[in-house]
Protein backbone atom coordinates (compact mmCIF):
# COMPACT_ATOMS: atom_id res chain seq x y z
CA MET A 1 55.18 133.11 48.88
CA GLY A 2 57.63 130.17 48.86
CA THR A 3 61.37 130.17 49.34
CA ARG A 4 61.63 132.23 46.11
CA GLY A 5 60.34 135.18 48.12
CA LEU A 6 63.19 135.00 50.61
CA PRO A 7 66.42 136.97 50.30
CA PHE A 8 69.20 134.90 48.71
CA ALA A 9 71.16 134.57 51.99
CA ASP A 10 68.07 133.27 53.79
CA ARG A 11 67.33 130.74 51.02
CA ARG A 12 70.94 129.53 51.07
CA ILE A 13 70.98 128.96 54.86
CA LEU A 14 67.55 127.32 54.82
CA HIS A 15 68.63 124.90 52.10
CA PHE A 16 71.91 124.22 53.91
CA ALA A 17 70.15 123.42 57.17
CA ILE A 18 67.64 121.19 55.42
CA ALA A 19 70.40 119.33 53.59
CA VAL A 20 72.25 118.68 56.85
CA MET A 21 69.02 117.64 58.49
CA ARG A 22 68.24 115.15 55.74
CA ARG A 23 71.72 113.63 55.94
CA PHE A 24 71.19 113.22 59.68
CA LEU A 25 68.00 111.29 58.97
CA LYS A 26 69.45 109.12 56.18
CA TRP A 27 69.00 105.95 58.20
CA GLY A 28 65.24 106.29 57.76
CA SER A 29 62.14 106.10 59.85
CA LEU A 30 63.11 102.90 61.70
CA CYS A 31 66.09 104.62 63.34
CA LEU A 32 63.95 107.63 64.16
CA LEU A 33 61.30 105.52 65.83
CA THR A 34 63.99 103.74 67.84
CA ALA A 35 65.53 107.05 68.95
CA LEU A 36 62.15 108.33 70.08
CA GLY A 37 61.44 105.19 72.10
CA VAL A 38 58.22 104.29 70.27
CA GLY A 39 56.51 100.94 70.78
CA GLY A 40 55.85 98.29 73.36
CA ALA A 41 59.23 96.60 72.95
CA ARG A 42 61.00 99.78 74.00
CA ALA A 43 58.73 100.18 77.05
CA GLN A 44 59.60 96.64 78.12
CA VAL A 45 63.33 97.37 77.79
CA ASP A 46 62.94 100.55 79.83
CA GLN A 47 61.16 98.63 82.58
CA GLU A 48 63.94 96.05 82.71
CA VAL A 49 66.57 98.80 82.91
CA PHE A 50 64.58 100.50 85.65
CA LEU A 51 64.32 97.36 87.77
CA GLY A 52 68.04 96.73 87.46
CA LEU A 53 68.98 100.27 88.44
CA THR A 54 66.83 100.48 91.57
CA ALA A 55 69.39 98.28 93.35
CA SER A 56 71.91 101.15 93.05
CA LEU A 57 69.57 103.89 94.30
CA LEU A 58 68.97 104.84 97.93
CA LYS A 59 66.62 107.21 99.67
CA VAL A 60 68.35 110.13 101.41
CA GLU A 61 67.01 111.60 104.66
CA ALA A 62 68.80 114.73 105.89
CA VAL A 63 67.92 116.01 109.39
CA GLY A 64 68.44 119.69 110.21
CA ASP A 65 69.07 121.44 113.54
CA ASP A 66 65.34 122.08 113.95
CA GLY A 67 64.44 118.44 113.38
CA SER A 68 63.10 119.02 109.88
CA VAL A 69 63.79 116.28 107.36
CA SER A 70 64.76 116.87 103.74
CA LEU A 71 64.14 113.93 101.40
CA GLY A 72 66.06 113.08 98.27
CA THR A 73 67.64 110.29 96.27
CA GLY A 74 71.22 109.04 96.14
CA ILE A 75 73.09 107.03 93.50
CA ALA A 76 75.90 104.62 94.30
CA VAL A 77 78.87 105.89 92.25
CA GLY A 78 81.75 104.12 93.99
CA ARG A 79 82.52 101.75 96.84
CA GLY A 80 80.75 103.27 99.83
CA ILE A 81 80.13 106.55 97.92
CA VAL A 82 76.68 107.92 97.08
CA ALA A 83 76.07 111.03 94.94
CA THR A 84 73.15 113.36 95.60
CA ASN A 85 72.18 117.03 95.43
CA CYS A 86 73.61 119.44 97.99
CA HIS A 87 70.27 121.22 98.24
CA VAL A 88 69.01 118.02 99.90
CA THR A 89 71.81 117.74 102.48
CA ARG A 90 73.47 121.16 102.91
CA ALA A 91 71.50 122.12 106.06
CA ALA A 92 71.86 118.69 107.68
CA ARG A 93 73.44 117.79 111.00
CA ALA A 94 72.81 114.11 110.33
CA ILE A 95 72.14 112.13 107.13
CA GLU A 96 70.79 108.61 106.71
CA LEU A 97 70.59 106.41 103.65
CA VAL A 98 67.58 104.11 103.44
CA ARG A 99 67.63 100.86 101.51
CA GLY A 100 64.59 98.74 102.13
CA ALA A 101 64.39 98.15 105.88
CA ARG A 102 68.01 99.23 106.43
CA ARG A 103 68.95 102.68 107.66
CA ILE A 104 72.62 103.56 107.24
CA ALA A 105 74.24 106.59 108.86
CA VAL A 106 76.42 108.75 106.61
CA ASP A 107 79.91 109.12 108.06
CA SER A 108 81.08 112.11 106.03
CA GLN A 109 80.34 114.16 102.95
CA TYR A 110 82.09 116.22 100.29
CA GLY A 111 80.15 119.10 98.80
CA GLU A 112 80.45 121.34 95.77
CA VAL A 113 77.44 123.40 96.75
CA GLU A 114 77.52 125.90 93.88
CA ARG A 115 77.23 122.97 91.47
CA ASP A 116 74.64 121.31 93.76
CA LEU A 117 76.67 118.07 93.87
CA CYS A 118 77.48 116.25 97.12
CA LEU A 119 79.19 112.91 97.76
CA LEU A 120 78.12 110.92 100.83
CA HIS A 121 80.39 108.34 102.45
CA ALA A 122 78.94 105.44 104.43
CA ALA A 123 80.59 102.14 105.31
CA GLY A 124 77.21 100.43 105.32
CA VAL A 125 76.69 100.84 101.58
CA GLU A 126 79.95 99.34 100.36
CA ASP A 127 77.98 96.33 99.11
CA VAL A 128 75.75 98.48 96.87
CA ALA A 129 76.80 98.12 93.23
CA PRO A 130 77.73 101.46 91.64
CA VAL A 131 76.04 102.52 88.43
CA ALA A 132 77.87 102.58 85.10
CA VAL A 133 78.58 106.05 83.74
CA SER A 134 78.22 106.67 80.02
CA PRO A 135 81.42 107.74 78.25
CA ALA A 136 79.48 109.07 75.25
CA ALA A 137 78.40 112.66 74.72
CA LEU A 138 74.68 113.32 74.88
CA THR A 139 72.75 114.55 71.85
CA VAL A 140 69.54 116.55 71.62
CA GLY A 141 66.61 114.18 71.03
CA GLN A 142 68.32 111.23 72.74
CA PRO A 143 65.91 109.14 74.89
CA VAL A 144 66.57 109.27 78.64
CA LEU A 145 65.08 107.84 81.84
CA ALA A 146 64.78 109.75 85.12
CA ILE A 147 64.69 107.60 88.26
CA GLY A 148 64.25 108.76 91.84
CA PHE A 149 62.27 108.25 95.03
CA ALA A 150 58.97 110.02 94.36
CA TYR A 151 57.86 111.87 97.50
CA GLY A 152 60.28 109.75 99.51
CA ARG A 153 58.26 106.59 98.98
CA ALA A 154 59.35 104.36 96.10
CA PRO A 155 61.50 104.69 92.98
CA GLN A 156 59.62 106.19 90.06
CA LEU A 157 60.49 106.03 86.37
CA GLY A 158 60.03 108.96 83.99
CA HIS A 159 60.52 108.69 80.21
CA GLY A 160 61.69 111.58 78.06
CA GLU A 161 64.43 112.89 75.84
CA VAL A 162 67.24 115.41 75.90
CA GLN A 163 65.82 118.79 74.92
CA ALA A 164 68.88 121.01 75.22
CA LEU A 165 72.49 121.00 76.44
CA HIS A 166 73.49 124.21 78.20
CA ASP A 167 77.17 125.12 78.49
CA TYR A 168 77.95 126.10 82.06
CA ASP A 169 81.01 125.90 84.30
CA GLY A 170 83.05 123.71 81.99
CA ALA A 171 80.35 121.16 81.13
CA GLN A 172 76.78 120.93 79.85
CA VAL A 173 73.71 121.06 82.09
CA VAL A 174 71.09 118.72 80.62
CA GLU A 175 67.57 119.98 79.95
CA HIS A 176 65.24 117.04 79.42
CA SER A 177 61.57 116.06 79.32
CA ALA A 178 61.66 113.02 81.65
CA PRO A 179 59.35 114.03 84.53
CA PHE A 180 60.23 113.63 88.19
CA ASN A 181 58.61 114.60 91.47
CA ALA A 182 59.69 115.92 94.87
CA GLY A 183 62.04 113.44 96.52
CA ALA A 184 63.75 112.54 93.24
CA SER A 185 66.44 115.23 93.58
CA GLY A 186 69.81 113.51 93.43
CA GLY A 187 68.41 110.64 91.39
CA GLY A 188 69.76 109.47 88.08
CA LEU A 189 69.23 110.40 84.46
CA PHE A 190 70.08 107.32 82.40
CA ASP A 191 70.39 106.42 78.75
CA ALA A 192 68.54 103.50 77.16
CA ARG A 193 71.31 101.11 78.24
CA GLY A 194 71.04 102.12 81.90
CA ARG A 195 74.22 104.21 81.97
CA LEU A 196 74.29 107.38 84.03
CA VAL A 197 74.22 110.56 81.91
CA GLY A 198 73.16 113.12 84.54
CA ILE A 199 72.10 113.79 88.13
CA VAL A 200 68.41 114.70 88.38
CA SER A 201 68.34 118.02 90.18
CA PHE A 202 65.65 120.66 89.64
CA ARG A 203 62.84 121.87 87.44
CA SER A 204 61.20 125.18 86.63
CA ARG A 205 58.61 126.40 89.10
CA SER A 206 55.76 126.81 86.63
CA ALA A 207 54.28 124.95 83.66
CA PRO A 208 55.33 124.01 81.09
CA PHE A 209 57.95 122.42 83.32
CA ARG A 210 61.59 122.31 82.28
CA HIS A 211 63.61 119.55 83.91
CA TYR A 212 67.35 119.75 84.49
CA ALA A 213 70.15 117.33 85.36
CA LEU A 214 73.75 117.99 86.37
CA PRO A 215 76.46 116.80 83.94
CA VAL A 216 78.37 113.62 84.73
CA ALA A 217 81.56 115.55 83.98
CA TRP A 218 81.03 117.35 87.30
CA LEU A 219 80.65 113.98 89.02
CA HIS A 220 83.98 112.78 87.61
CA GLN A 221 85.67 115.96 88.85
CA ALA A 222 84.09 115.71 92.31
CA LEU A 223 85.27 112.11 92.70
CA LEU A 224 88.81 113.21 91.89
CA ARG A 225 88.69 116.11 94.36
CA ASP A 226 86.76 114.23 97.05
CA ALA A 227 87.89 115.40 100.50
CA ALA A 228 85.04 114.32 102.74
CA THR A 229 84.52 115.83 106.19
CA PRO A 230 82.11 114.96 109.03
CA VAL A 231 78.50 115.81 108.30
CA ARG A 232 77.63 119.41 109.14
CA PRO A 233 75.76 122.27 107.41
CA LEU A 234 77.47 123.49 104.26
CA ALA A 235 77.89 127.11 103.20
CA GLY A 236 76.93 128.36 99.77
CA GLN A 237 74.00 128.22 97.37
CA PRO A 238 73.38 126.15 94.21
CA PHE A 239 73.64 128.08 90.97
CA TRP A 240 69.99 127.59 90.10
CA GLN A 241 68.76 128.96 93.46
CA ARG A 242 70.49 132.34 93.08
CA ARG A 243 68.60 135.54 92.42
CA PRO A 244 67.70 135.81 88.72
CA GLU A 245 70.45 138.28 87.88
CA GLY A 246 73.04 135.81 89.20
CA GLN A 247 71.74 132.78 87.31
CA PRO A 248 73.08 131.46 83.99
CA TYR A 249 71.52 132.97 80.88
CA PHE A 250 69.61 129.81 80.00
CA LEU A 251 67.75 129.82 83.31
CA ARG A 252 67.02 133.55 83.14
CA ALA A 253 65.60 133.18 79.63
CA ALA A 254 63.48 130.18 80.64
CA SER A 255 62.00 132.06 83.60
CA LEU A 256 61.17 135.11 81.48
CA GLU A 257 59.57 132.89 78.84
CA ALA A 258 57.38 131.25 81.49
CA ASP A 259 56.30 134.74 82.60
CA GLU A 260 55.78 135.78 78.95
CA ASN A 261 57.98 138.79 79.57
CA TRP A 262 59.09 138.96 75.94
CA SER A 263 60.80 142.34 75.98
CA GLU A 264 63.03 141.43 78.93
CA MET A 265 63.63 137.99 77.43
CA ALA A 266 64.78 139.65 74.20
CA TYR A 267 67.18 141.83 76.19
CA VAL A 268 68.63 138.86 78.10
CA ALA A 269 68.83 136.71 74.96
CA GLN A 270 70.62 139.49 73.11
CA ARG A 271 73.31 139.55 75.81
CA TRP A 272 73.38 135.74 75.85
CA SER A 273 73.90 135.45 72.10
CA ALA A 274 76.64 138.09 72.26
CA ALA A 275 78.41 136.16 75.02
CA GLU A 276 77.85 132.71 73.46
CA SER A 277 77.50 133.20 69.71
CA PHE A 278 78.25 129.48 69.21
CA ASN A 279 75.24 128.44 71.29
CA PRO A 280 72.08 127.70 69.23
CA GLN A 281 69.90 127.98 72.34
CA SER A 282 70.82 131.65 72.73
CA TRP A 283 69.68 132.42 69.18
CA LEU A 284 66.54 130.34 69.64
CA ALA A 285 65.63 132.34 72.74
CA LEU A 286 66.27 135.61 70.91
CA GLY A 287 64.21 134.55 67.92
CA LYS A 288 61.35 133.30 70.07
CA ALA A 289 61.20 136.56 72.04
CA ARG A 290 61.24 138.65 68.85
CA TYR A 291 58.55 136.48 67.31
CA HIS A 292 56.27 137.19 70.27
CA LEU A 293 57.10 140.87 69.94
CA SER A 294 55.75 140.63 66.36
CA GLU A 295 59.18 141.14 64.84
CA SER A 296 58.81 138.14 62.57
CA ARG A 297 61.56 139.07 60.13
CA SER A 298 64.01 139.46 63.02
CA ALA A 299 62.80 136.15 64.44
CA ILE A 300 63.41 134.40 61.12
CA GLU A 301 66.89 135.85 60.82
CA ALA A 302 67.86 134.98 64.38
CA LEU A 303 66.51 131.44 64.15
CA LEU A 304 67.39 130.64 60.57
CA LEU A 305 70.82 132.16 60.28
CA ARG A 306 71.97 130.97 63.69
CA ALA A 307 69.96 128.33 65.57
CA ALA A 308 69.00 126.14 62.59
CA GLN A 309 72.46 126.44 61.08
CA LEU A 310 74.30 125.65 64.31
CA ALA A 311 71.94 122.81 65.28
CA PRO A 312 69.95 121.41 62.33
CA THR A 313 68.39 118.75 64.59
CA LEU A 314 67.07 121.24 67.17
CA ALA A 315 63.31 120.61 66.98
CA ALA A 316 62.38 123.79 68.83
CA ALA A 317 64.16 125.88 66.20
CA TRP A 318 62.23 124.25 63.36
CA CYS A 319 59.00 124.75 65.29
CA GLN A 320 59.65 128.44 65.76
CA LEU A 321 60.82 128.81 62.16
CA GLY A 322 57.53 127.38 60.93
CA LEU A 323 55.56 129.79 63.10
CA ALA A 324 57.63 132.78 62.03
CA TYR A 325 57.42 131.99 58.32
CA THR A 326 53.68 131.38 58.57
CA ALA A 327 53.25 134.78 60.22
CA THR A 328 54.83 136.42 57.16
CA ALA A 329 52.92 134.22 54.66
CA GLU A 330 56.14 132.58 53.41
CA ASN A 331 54.30 129.32 52.98
CA GLY A 332 56.94 127.37 51.07
CA ALA A 333 59.58 127.98 53.72
CA ALA A 334 57.02 127.32 56.47
CA GLY A 335 56.19 123.97 54.89
CA GLN A 336 59.83 122.94 54.75
CA ALA A 337 60.31 123.87 58.40
CA ARG A 338 57.27 121.83 59.38
CA GLU A 339 58.53 118.88 57.34
CA MET A 340 61.82 118.89 59.23
CA LEU A 341 59.98 119.19 62.56
CA GLN A 342 57.77 116.20 61.77
CA ARG A 343 60.84 114.10 61.01
CA LEU A 344 62.29 114.95 64.39
CA THR A 345 59.32 114.77 66.73
CA THR A 346 56.12 113.01 67.63
CA PRO A 347 52.74 114.79 67.28
CA SER A 348 52.81 115.47 71.05
CA ALA A 349 56.11 117.34 70.90
CA GLY A 350 54.44 120.58 71.95
CA CYS A 351 54.81 122.83 68.90
CA PRO A 352 51.76 125.10 68.85
CA SER A 353 49.65 125.65 65.77
CA PRO A 354 50.18 128.97 64.00
């Protein structure tokens, strides 16, 4: 069965999404390869960007009342101001910034703990050049670099791309595929030109890992509100460390997917899509859960009529569409979905075989 076997409304939305997708790709394969960061020339550029940015990164050592040390990364974002994650520093009685052989005491800090964003003030880092912040909005599929102090030792570079943008608290939390390790929290997520597009913050606890960065919009707001006080433990808890029922929908859905708890994921995604009908990720989560519950027609409707229409360049939606159509032997539609997916991704993009 091809697209002729689909209801008229389904055929119309599928053709609409494909048409939009093809217009998006009108610049051809060269632009696509550039966007995906393919080739040795791109790797060389990334390495040059990385080396330039390390001068604006510092290791953060936060010492608690019991003498324990929490390690993280800080980014120079202003004269004598370093941004990092509050989960690195919130229990600290003393904080030091390490740059090569230099150890610089932090004089004061400003924290927005719920957002997991802290600003550290230290006179000894006024000579550290701040990073440039990108004024452009991120797009799904955009190449990014994650840089931070891996295990508190040396800066490490991770390559990846933006996988999703999650609306939360007035901005968009960035889900990306650039890997990072312990000690990189508070590091930078950068675009191909070395401009800051996010603050590396946390990842899911189980594979396949999902990596997240705080939006730079929160950084702009924190700098405007900055009212630093002497270093002392901070009250509160970051949004991603709350109990599951208190977390944003996108984190709850991701956790349930990792646990393969499809029925609960469908319930959460149903509430998510009702609350955020404009959000393609909510419909993708609902469709994925229903697909795994063997409700393929419902999966197709949720993904096709919502996710693919709202975000024609969302690779995960095309992947799931192909799987769902294959499950119902709608081979023509499945082939079109796979064609769109191949235009968006590399063979290693992670879409399973049907």
